[in-house]
Each structure stands twice: as structure tokens, then as C-alpha cells.
Amino acid sequence: MVNWVFIGIILLAVVLFFKITSFRYEKWWTYSIGILFIFILFSFFNVVRTNDIDLYTFEGFVSGLKSYAYWVVNFGKTTATITGNVALFDWNMTNKTG
């Protein structure tokens, strides 16, 4: 139940942001911020659901934030490792048979 309340609040904040924003001519930034909010929302609740964290208590919410922070750091490290491996890959390899 609490998860749906949080989702509703964040979706309402995103809708209000789009409605009352002063970024009328900079729609790219507006959409980027909205997509970032949605990513944070779904990734946070995915981490909370995966780790069976109870958001009804303050301690549970803090535990959820710590787990989410750990996930974000791990996500960043993994992304950096993959990007580094792609950058070091020899893309000019010829297909040698035989």
C-alpha cells in the first residue's frame, strides 16, 4: 500500500512539474528530468521489493535508502567497467578463418 502512495506522489510531482514548469522552450531538459524521476522511482522500488524492505517504519525507509545508494554505486561501477571494456575492444579485427 505504501509503495502505491509513493508512486502516486512522485507521478503527481512529475505531472505538476510538466504543467507549471517555466521550461517552455527547453523541452529536452524537461523530458530529461521527468525521465530521471521515473527511473529513480522504479529503480528504488525495485531495490526495496528485491530486498524485502518494510517502508512502513522510519528505520525501514532509511534501510531502503542505504540499499538504494549501494545499488546506484554498484550500477555506476558496472557501467564504468563495461564502458571501459568497450573502449579497449579491438574493433578493427578481421575475420580470420583457417
Protein backbone atom coordinates (compact mmCIF):
# COMPACT_ATOMS: atom_id res chain seq x y z
CA MET A 1 0.00 0.00 0.00
CA VAL A 2 2.77 2.45 0.92
CA ASN A 3 4.52 1.74 -2.37
CA TRP A 4 1.47 2.88 -4.34
CA VAL A 5 1.24 6.03 -2.23
CA PHE A 6 4.88 6.89 -3.00
CA ILE A 7 4.38 6.10 -6.68
CA GLY A 8 1.30 8.33 -6.77
CA ILE A 9 3.10 11.20 -5.05
CA ILE A 10 6.07 11.04 -7.41
CA LEU A 11 3.89 10.73 -10.51
CA LEU A 12 1.86 13.71 -9.29
CA ALA A 13 5.10 15.67 -8.79
CA VAL A 14 6.22 14.80 -12.34
CA VAL A 15 2.86 15.86 -13.81
CA LEU A 16 2.90 19.11 -11.84
CA PHE A 17 6.48 19.73 -12.95
CA PHE A 18 5.43 19.43 -16.58
CA LYS A 19 2.36 21.62 -16.07
CA ILE A 20 3.90 24.55 -14.19
CA THR A 21 7.46 24.48 -15.46
CA SER A 22 8.95 27.58 -16.99
CA PHE A 23 10.99 25.50 -19.43
CA ARG A 24 8.56 26.15 -22.29
CA TYR A 25 11.27 26.39 -24.92
CA GLU A 26 13.66 23.86 -23.42
CA LYS A 27 11.53 20.73 -23.64
CA TRP A 28 14.58 18.47 -23.91
CA TRP A 29 15.61 19.35 -20.35
CA THR A 30 12.08 18.97 -19.08
CA TYR A 31 11.74 15.49 -20.52
CA SER A 32 15.20 14.52 -19.25
CA ILE A 33 14.28 15.49 -15.70
CA GLY A 34 10.96 13.65 -15.96
CA ILE A 35 12.66 10.51 -17.24
CA LEU A 36 15.21 10.76 -14.42
CA PHE A 37 12.38 10.98 -11.84
CA ILE A 38 10.69 7.93 -13.32
CA PHE A 39 13.98 5.98 -13.39
CA ILE A 40 14.65 6.81 -9.74
CA LEU A 41 11.10 5.87 -8.78
CA PHE A 42 11.09 2.46 -10.42
CA SER A 43 14.66 1.56 -9.54
CA PHE A 44 14.12 2.50 -5.87
CA PHE A 45 11.00 0.39 -5.55
CA ASN A 46 12.66 -2.48 -7.40
CA VAL A 47 15.54 -2.44 -4.88
CA VAL A 48 13.09 -2.23 -1.97
CA ARG A 49 10.98 -5.10 -3.32
CA THR A 50 14.01 -7.28 -4.10
CA ASN A 51 15.44 -6.86 -0.58
CA ASP A 52 12.04 -7.21 1.21
CA ILE A 53 12.40 -3.86 2.98
CA ASP A 54 9.47 -2.57 5.02
CA LEU A 55 8.83 1.11 4.22
CA TYR A 56 6.21 1.49 6.96
CA THR A 57 8.86 2.38 9.55
CA PHE A 58 11.50 5.09 9.57
CA GLU A 59 14.25 2.51 10.06
CA GLY A 60 12.94 0.56 7.08
CA PHE A 61 12.91 3.67 4.93
CA VAL A 62 16.50 4.51 5.94
CA SER A 63 17.48 0.91 5.20
CA GLY A 64 15.82 1.25 1.79
CA LEU A 65 17.76 4.45 1.08
CA LYS A 66 21.03 2.77 2.07
CA SER A 67 20.29 -0.23 -0.13
CA TYR A 68 19.39 2.08 -3.00
CA ALA A 69 22.58 4.11 -2.57
CA TYR A 70 24.60 0.86 -2.63
CA TRP A 71 22.75 -0.22 -5.77
CA VAL A 72 23.40 3.13 -7.51
CA VAL A 73 27.14 2.94 -6.69
CA ASN A 74 27.30 -0.67 -7.90
CA PHE A 75 25.36 0.29 -11.05
CA GLY A 76 27.83 3.10 -11.73
CA LYS A 77 30.85 0.83 -11.23
CA THR A 78 29.39 -1.83 -13.51
CA THR A 79 28.57 0.76 -16.17
CA ALA A 80 32.10 2.18 -15.97
CA THR A 81 33.61 -1.31 -16.29
CA ILE A 82 31.50 -2.16 -19.33
CA THR A 83 32.28 1.20 -20.94
CA GLY A 84 35.99 0.68 -20.31
CA ASN A 85 35.88 -2.80 -21.83
CA VAL A 86 34.07 -1.48 -24.90
CA ALA A 87 36.63 1.32 -25.28
CA LEU A 88 39.53 -1.15 -25.12
CA PHE A 89 37.95 -3.63 -27.53
CA ASP A 90 39.75 -4.00 -30.86
CA TRP A 91 37.01 -3.05 -33.28
CA ASN A 92 39.31 -3.40 -36.31
CA MET A 93 39.68 -7.16 -36.03
CA THR A 94 39.47 -9.04 -39.29
CA ASN A 95 37.56 -12.27 -39.51
CA LYS A 96 40.35 -14.83 -39.88
CA THR A 97 39.36 -18.36 -40.76
CA GLY A 98 41.66 -21.28 -41.04
